[in-house]
Amino acid sequence: MATLRALTEKAAHLMDKMSQVETKLQNTEKELTELKSLTQGTPKVAFSAALYETGHGDTGPFNVDTPLKYKNVFSNIGNNYNPVTGIFTATVKGVYFFRFSVQTTHIANTVVSLMKNDVLVASVWDTNRSDDNDIGSNAAVLPLEVGDHVYVKLYAHREVYDDAMNYNTFAGFLLFTN
């Protein structure tokens, strides 16, 4: 019985150690990604995209808050923006500039926000329905760590309109590392 207890305690201790090693490995991988970027010269990170590749129409409404997926990618230097998810992921620690724009039609029931790691940064909204079309934009300078996520969220039960004129855009770039 004492041997079984000792083995159980030893196994629990080893599992704790393994968990600590896994955490250290994850942190080391993040640091390695950042170092690779820095040792290859000045890191270059920039993207710009519009909502639709082709066609026109409304996006939304959805029953839950949803990241907008900007599929018409004009540039994606560093491949940090994912048009499938609509999410920018930092691979370089630094200070970044982000900008987004939104257009509404006569439906005018739009609320979108720039989000950093699921925390609201800045918003644009129009719920006035007194005219046919409105457009707005907002921007922010954000310090990001490796692995931070930035995206534009469309709130539940809201919608945006876009067409070939690319009214709805999302862009960002690295200002400097720190």
C-alpha atoms as a PDB file:
ATOM      1  CA  MET A   1       0.000   0.000   0.000  1.00  0.00           C
ATOM      2  CA  ALA A   2       2.819   2.391   0.895  1.00  0.00           C
ATOM      3  CA  THR A   3       4.507   1.623  -2.420  1.00  0.00           C
ATOM      4  CA  LEU A   4       1.331   2.460  -4.345  1.00  0.00           C
ATOM      5  CA  ARG A   5       0.952   5.751  -2.461  1.00  0.00           C
ATOM      6  CA  ALA A   6       4.597   6.635  -3.140  1.00  0.00           C
ATOM      7  CA  LEU A   7       4.189   5.849  -6.848  1.00  0.00           C
ATOM      8  CA  THR A   8       0.988   7.915  -7.009  1.00  0.00           C
ATOM      9  CA  GLU A   9       2.745  10.878  -5.382  1.00  0.00           C
ATOM     10  CA  LYS A  10       5.716  10.500  -7.717  1.00  0.00           C
ATOM     11  CA  ALA A  11       3.382  10.375 -10.769  1.00  0.00           C
ATOM     12  CA  ALA A  12       1.559  13.515  -9.592  1.00  0.00           C
ATOM     13  CA  HIS A  13       4.898  15.280  -9.099  1.00  0.00           C
ATOM     14  CA  LEU A  14       6.030  14.258 -12.599  1.00  0.00           C
ATOM     15  CA  MET A  15       2.743  15.491 -14.120  1.00  0.00           C
ATOM     16  CA  ASP A  16       3.243  18.851 -12.400  1.00  0.00           C
ATOM     17  CA  LYS A  17       6.803  19.067 -13.721  1.00  0.00           C
ATOM     18  CA  MET A  18       5.593  18.154 -17.240  1.00  0.00           C
ATOM     19  CA  SER A  19       2.983  20.904 -17.099  1.00  0.00           C
ATOM     20  CA  GLN A  20       5.685  23.408 -16.125  1.00  0.00           C
ATOM     21  CA  VAL A  21       7.902  22.213 -18.991  1.00  0.00           C
ATOM     22  CA  GLU A  22       5.007  22.552 -21.452  1.00  0.00           C
ATOM     23  CA  THR A  23       4.416  26.150 -20.350  1.00  0.00           C
ATOM     24  CA  LYS A  24       8.115  26.954 -20.701  1.00  0.00           C
ATOM     25  CA  LEU A  25       8.149  25.340 -24.170  1.00  0.00           C
ATOM     26  CA  GLN A  26       5.183  27.435 -25.308  1.00  0.00           C
ATOM     27  CA  ASN A  27       6.883  30.625 -24.088  1.00  0.00           C
ATOM     28  CA  THR A  28      10.146  29.604 -25.758  1.00  0.00           C
ATOM     29  CA  GLU A  29       8.331  28.958 -29.058  1.00  0.00           C
ATOM     30  CA  LYS A  30       6.782  32.454 -28.936  1.00  0.00           C
ATOM     31  CA  GLU A  31      10.186  34.000 -28.220  1.00  0.00           C
ATOM     32  CA  LEU A  32      11.789  31.980 -31.021  1.00  0.00           C
ATOM     33  CA  THR A  33       9.174  33.168 -33.517  1.00  0.00           C
ATOM     34  CA  GLU A  34       9.844  36.757 -32.494  1.00  0.00           C
ATOM     35  CA  LEU A  35      13.632  36.322 -32.634  1.00  0.00           C
ATOM     36  CA  LYS A  36      13.452  34.757 -36.102  1.00  0.00           C
ATOM     37  CA  SER A  37      11.520  37.769 -37.310  1.00  0.00           C
ATOM     38  CA  LEU A  38      13.966  40.202 -35.716  1.00  0.00           C
ATOM     39  CA  THR A  39      17.128  38.458 -36.949  1.00  0.00           C
ATOM     40  CA  GLN A  40      15.933  38.560 -40.525  1.00  0.00           C
ATOM     41  CA  GLY A  41      16.294  42.353 -40.503  1.00  0.00           C
ATOM     42  CA  THR A  42      13.601  44.860 -39.744  1.00  0.00           C
ATOM     43  CA  PRO A  43      10.345  42.917 -39.445  1.00  0.00           C
ATOM     44  CA  LYS A  44       7.800  43.748 -42.103  1.00  0.00           C
ATOM     45  CA  VAL A  45       4.171  43.350 -41.098  1.00  0.00           C
ATOM     46  CA  ALA A  46       1.296  44.983 -42.987  1.00  0.00           C
ATOM     47  CA  PHE A  47      -2.091  43.993 -44.364  1.00  0.00           C
ATOM     48  CA  SER A  48      -5.082  45.554 -46.026  1.00  0.00           C
ATOM     49  CA  ALA A  49      -8.348  43.880 -47.003  1.00  0.00           C
ATOM     50  CA  ALA A  50     -11.950  44.569 -48.014  1.00  0.00           C
ATOM     51  CA  LEU A  51     -15.026  42.579 -47.085  1.00  0.00           C
ATOM     52  CA  TYR A  52     -16.032  41.031 -50.439  1.00  0.00           C
ATOM     53  CA  GLU A  53     -13.889  39.514 -53.161  1.00  0.00           C
ATOM     54  CA  THR A  54     -16.790  39.772 -55.622  1.00  0.00           C
ATOM     55  CA  GLY A  55     -20.433  40.693 -55.573  1.00  0.00           C
ATOM     56  CA  HIS A  56     -22.375  42.863 -53.206  1.00  0.00           C
ATOM     57  CA  GLY A  57     -24.847  42.654 -50.366  1.00  0.00           C
ATOM     58  CA  ASP A  58     -25.310  42.558 -46.643  1.00  0.00           C
ATOM     59  CA  THR A  59     -23.207  40.630 -44.164  1.00  0.00           C
ATOM     60  CA  GLY A  60     -25.287  39.657 -41.174  1.00  0.00           C
ATOM     61  CA  PRO A  61     -27.313  39.717 -39.155  1.00  0.00           C
ATOM     62  CA  PHE A  62     -25.972  36.860 -37.051  1.00  0.00           C
ATOM     63  CA  ASN A  63     -27.396  35.612 -33.759  1.00  0.00           C
ATOM     64  CA  VAL A  64     -24.043  36.111 -31.995  1.00  0.00           C
ATOM     65  CA  ASP A  65     -21.218  38.641 -32.197  1.00  0.00           C
ATOM     66  CA  THR A  66     -19.053  37.622 -35.162  1.00  0.00           C
ATOM     67  CA  PRO A  67     -15.606  38.612 -36.474  1.00  0.00           C
ATOM     68  CA  LEU A  68     -15.945  40.130 -39.944  1.00  0.00           C
ATOM     69  CA  LYS A  69     -14.021  38.145 -42.549  1.00  0.00           C
ATOM     70  CA  TYR A  70     -12.354  40.526 -44.992  1.00  0.00           C
ATOM     71  CA  LYS A  71     -11.738  38.229 -47.965  1.00  0.00           C
ATOM     72  CA  ASN A  72     -10.462  40.643 -50.627  1.00  0.00           C
ATOM     73  CA  VAL A  73      -6.853  40.848 -49.441  1.00  0.00           C
ATOM     74  CA  PHE A  74      -4.889  43.663 -51.084  1.00  0.00           C
ATOM     75  CA  SER A  75      -1.679  42.919 -49.188  1.00  0.00           C
ATOM     76  CA  ASN A  76      -0.627  40.584 -46.395  1.00  0.00           C
ATOM     77  CA  ILE A  77       3.076  41.105 -45.798  1.00  0.00           C
ATOM     78  CA  GLY A  78       4.162  38.712 -43.075  1.00  0.00           C
ATOM     79  CA  ASN A  79       0.965  36.637 -43.442  1.00  0.00           C
ATOM     80  CA  ASN A  80      -0.363  37.766 -40.065  1.00  0.00           C
ATOM     81  CA  TYR A  81      -3.923  38.365 -41.320  1.00  0.00           C
ATOM     82  CA  ASN A  82      -6.146  35.311 -41.905  1.00  0.00           C
ATOM     83  CA  PRO A  83      -9.015  35.996 -44.357  1.00  0.00           C
ATOM     84  CA  VAL A  84     -10.738  32.735 -43.359  1.00  0.00           C
ATOM     85  CA  THR A  85     -11.162  33.860 -39.736  1.00  0.00           C
ATOM     86  CA  GLY A  86     -10.876  37.661 -40.138  1.00  0.00           C
ATOM     87  CA  ILE A  87      -8.249  37.713 -37.393  1.00  0.00           C
ATOM     88  CA  PHE A  88      -4.813  39.380 -37.343  1.00  0.00           C
ATOM     89  CA  THR A  89      -2.301  37.554 -35.111  1.00  0.00           C
ATOM     90  CA  ALA A  90       0.902  39.311 -34.052  1.00  0.00           C
ATOM     91  CA  THR A  91       4.111  37.354 -34.635  1.00  0.00           C
ATOM     92  CA  VAL A  92       6.286  40.318 -33.664  1.00  0.00           C
ATOM     93  CA  LYS A  93       6.120  42.208 -30.369  1.00  0.00           C
ATOM     94  CA  GLY A  94       5.640  45.884 -31.141  1.00  0.00           C
ATOM     95  CA  VAL A  95       3.340  48.830 -31.614  1.00  0.00           C
ATOM     96  CA  TYR A  96       0.825  48.561 -34.465  1.00  0.00           C
ATOM     97  CA  PHE A  97      -1.609  50.873 -36.254  1.00  0.00           C
ATOM     98  CA  PHE A  98      -5.062  49.498 -37.186  1.00  0.00           C
ATOM     99  CA  ARG A  99      -7.877  51.139 -39.141  1.00  0.00           C
ATOM    100  CA  PHE A 100     -11.323  49.914 -40.157  1.00  0.00           C
ATOM    101  CA  SER A 101     -14.206  51.386 -42.105  1.00  0.00           C
ATOM    102  CA  VAL A 102     -17.850  50.418 -42.414  1.00  0.00           C
ATOM    103  CA  GLN A 103     -20.770  51.305 -44.670  1.00  0.00           C
ATOM    104  CA  THR A 104     -24.445  50.912 -43.959  1.00  0.00           C
ATOM    105  CA  THR A 105     -27.441  51.184 -46.244  1.00  0.00           C
ATOM    106  CA  HIS A 106     -30.995  52.229 -45.500  1.00  0.00           C
ATOM    107  CA  ILE A 107     -31.126  49.294 -43.088  1.00  0.00           C
ATOM    108  CA  ALA A 108     -28.729  51.306 -40.900  1.00  0.00           C
ATOM    109  CA  ASN A 109     -28.534  48.881 -38.043  1.00  0.00           C
ATOM    110  CA  THR A 110     -24.775  48.570 -37.735  1.00  0.00           C
ATOM    111  CA  VAL A 111     -22.410  48.333 -34.802  1.00  0.00           C
ATOM    112  CA  VAL A 112     -18.812  47.146 -35.309  1.00  0.00           C
ATOM    113  CA  SER A 113     -15.821  47.297 -32.985  1.00  0.00           C
ATOM    114  CA  LEU A 114     -12.090  46.852 -33.235  1.00  0.00           C
ATOM    115  CA  MET A 115     -11.168  44.140 -30.733  1.00  0.00           C
ATOM    116  CA  LYS A 116      -7.831  43.224 -29.142  1.00  0.00           C
ATOM    117  CA  ASN A 117      -7.885  39.784 -27.517  1.00  0.00           C
ATOM    118  CA  ASP A 118     -11.688  40.033 -27.241  1.00  0.00           C
ATOM    119  CA  VAL A 119     -11.480  43.446 -25.517  1.00  0.00           C
ATOM    120  CA  LEU A 120     -13.199  46.426 -27.167  1.00  0.00           C
ATOM    121  CA  VAL A 121     -10.824  49.124 -28.454  1.00  0.00           C
ATOM    122  CA  ALA A 122     -12.887  51.393 -30.748  1.00  0.00           C
ATOM    123  CA  SER A 123     -16.284  51.322 -32.482  1.00  0.00           C
ATOM    124  CA  VAL A 124     -18.331  52.674 -35.372  1.00  0.00           C
ATOM    125  CA  TRP A 125     -22.092  52.507 -35.349  1.00  0.00           C
ATOM    126  CA  ASP A 126     -25.191  53.756 -37.149  1.00  0.00           C
ATOM    127  CA  THR A 127     -28.669  52.876 -36.013  1.00  0.00           C
ATOM    128  CA  ASN A 128     -30.403  56.059 -37.207  1.00  0.00           C
ATOM    129  CA  ARG A 129     -32.211  54.878 -40.397  1.00  0.00           C
ATOM    130  CA  SER A 130     -32.895  58.523 -41.360  1.00  0.00           C
ATOM    131  CA  ASP A 131     -30.932  58.328 -44.616  1.00  0.00           C
ATOM    132  CA  ASP A 132     -29.857  55.789 -47.216  1.00  0.00           C
ATOM    133  CA  ASN A 133     -26.102  55.375 -46.788  1.00  0.00           C
ATOM    134  CA  ASP A 134     -23.574  56.136 -44.110  1.00  0.00           C
ATOM    135  CA  ILE A 135     -19.879  55.384 -43.828  1.00  0.00           C
ATOM    136  CA  GLY A 136     -17.596  55.704 -40.860  1.00  0.00           C
ATOM    137  CA  SER A 137     -14.134  54.683 -39.768  1.00  0.00           C
ATOM    138  CA  ASN A 138     -12.007  54.475 -36.691  1.00  0.00           C
ATOM    139  CA  ALA A 139      -8.387  53.654 -35.862  1.00  0.00           C
ATOM    140  CA  ALA A 140      -6.094  52.832 -32.973  1.00  0.00           C
ATOM    141  CA  VAL A 141      -2.420  52.403 -32.143  1.00  0.00           C
ATOM    142  CA  LEU A 142      -1.980  49.242 -30.078  1.00  0.00           C
ATOM    143  CA  PRO A 143       0.947  47.605 -28.293  1.00  0.00           C
ATOM    144  CA  LEU A 144       0.875  43.899 -29.100  1.00  0.00           C
ATOM    145  CA  GLU A 145       2.660  40.873 -27.710  1.00  0.00           C
ATOM    146  CA  VAL A 146       3.415  37.819 -29.844  1.00  0.00           C
ATOM    147  CA  GLY A 147       0.165  35.870 -30.153  1.00  0.00           C
ATOM    148  CA  ASP A 148      -2.196  38.808 -29.552  1.00  0.00           C
ATOM    149  CA  HIS A 149      -5.278  38.862 -31.810  1.00  0.00           C
ATOM    150  CA  VAL A 150      -6.957  41.874 -33.423  1.00  0.00           C
ATOM    151  CA  TYR A 151     -10.188  41.766 -35.427  1.00  0.00           C
ATOM    152  CA  VAL A 152     -13.334  43.724 -36.261  1.00  0.00           C
ATOM    153  CA  LYS A 153     -16.459  42.404 -34.558  1.00  0.00           C
ATOM    154  CA  LEU A 154     -19.948  42.735 -36.021  1.00  0.00           C
ATOM    155  CA  TYR A 155     -22.422  42.724 -33.155  1.00  0.00           C
ATOM    156  CA  ALA A 156     -25.307  40.255 -33.030  1.00  0.00           C
ATOM    157  CA  HIS A 157     -28.431  41.250 -34.964  1.00  0.00           C
ATOM    158  CA  ARG A 158     -26.499  43.931 -36.891  1.00  0.00           C
ATOM    159  CA  GLU A 159     -25.341  44.064 -40.501  1.00  0.00           C
ATOM    160  CA  VAL A 160     -23.042  45.854 -42.936  1.00  0.00           C
ATOM    161  CA  TYR A 161     -23.251  46.390 -46.683  1.00  0.00           C
ATOM    162  CA  ASP A 162     -20.458  46.157 -49.230  1.00  0.00           C
ATOM    163  CA  ASP A 163     -19.948  45.990 -52.968  1.00  0.00           C
ATOM    164  CA  ALA A 164     -17.153  46.363 -55.545  1.00  0.00           C
ATOM    165  CA  MET A 165     -16.374  49.850 -54.188  1.00  0.00           C
ATOM    166  CA  ASN A 166     -14.834  48.219 -51.062  1.00  0.00           C
ATOM    167  CA  TYR A 167     -16.454  50.411 -48.425  1.00  0.00           C
ATOM    168  CA  ASN A 168     -15.724  47.994 -45.580  1.00  0.00           C
ATOM    169  CA  THR A 169     -11.986  47.667 -45.023  1.00  0.00           C
ATOM    170  CA  PHE A 170      -9.598  46.507 -42.333  1.00  0.00           C
ATOM    171  CA  ALA A 171      -5.887  47.335 -42.357  1.00  0.00           C
ATOM    172  CA  GLY A 172      -2.945  47.310 -40.018  1.00  0.00           C
ATOM    173  CA  PHE A 173       0.815  47.544 -39.906  1.00  0.00           C
ATOM    174  CA  LEU A 174       3.748  47.397 -37.520  1.00  0.00           C
ATOM    175  CA  LEU A 175       4.982  50.864 -36.554  1.00  0.00           C
ATOM    176  CA  PHE A 176       8.010  49.684 -34.553  1.00  0.00           C
ATOM    177  CA  THR A 177       9.212  46.797 -32.395  1.00  0.00           C
ATOM    178  CA  ASN A 178       9.763  47.179 -28.696  1.00  0.00           C
END
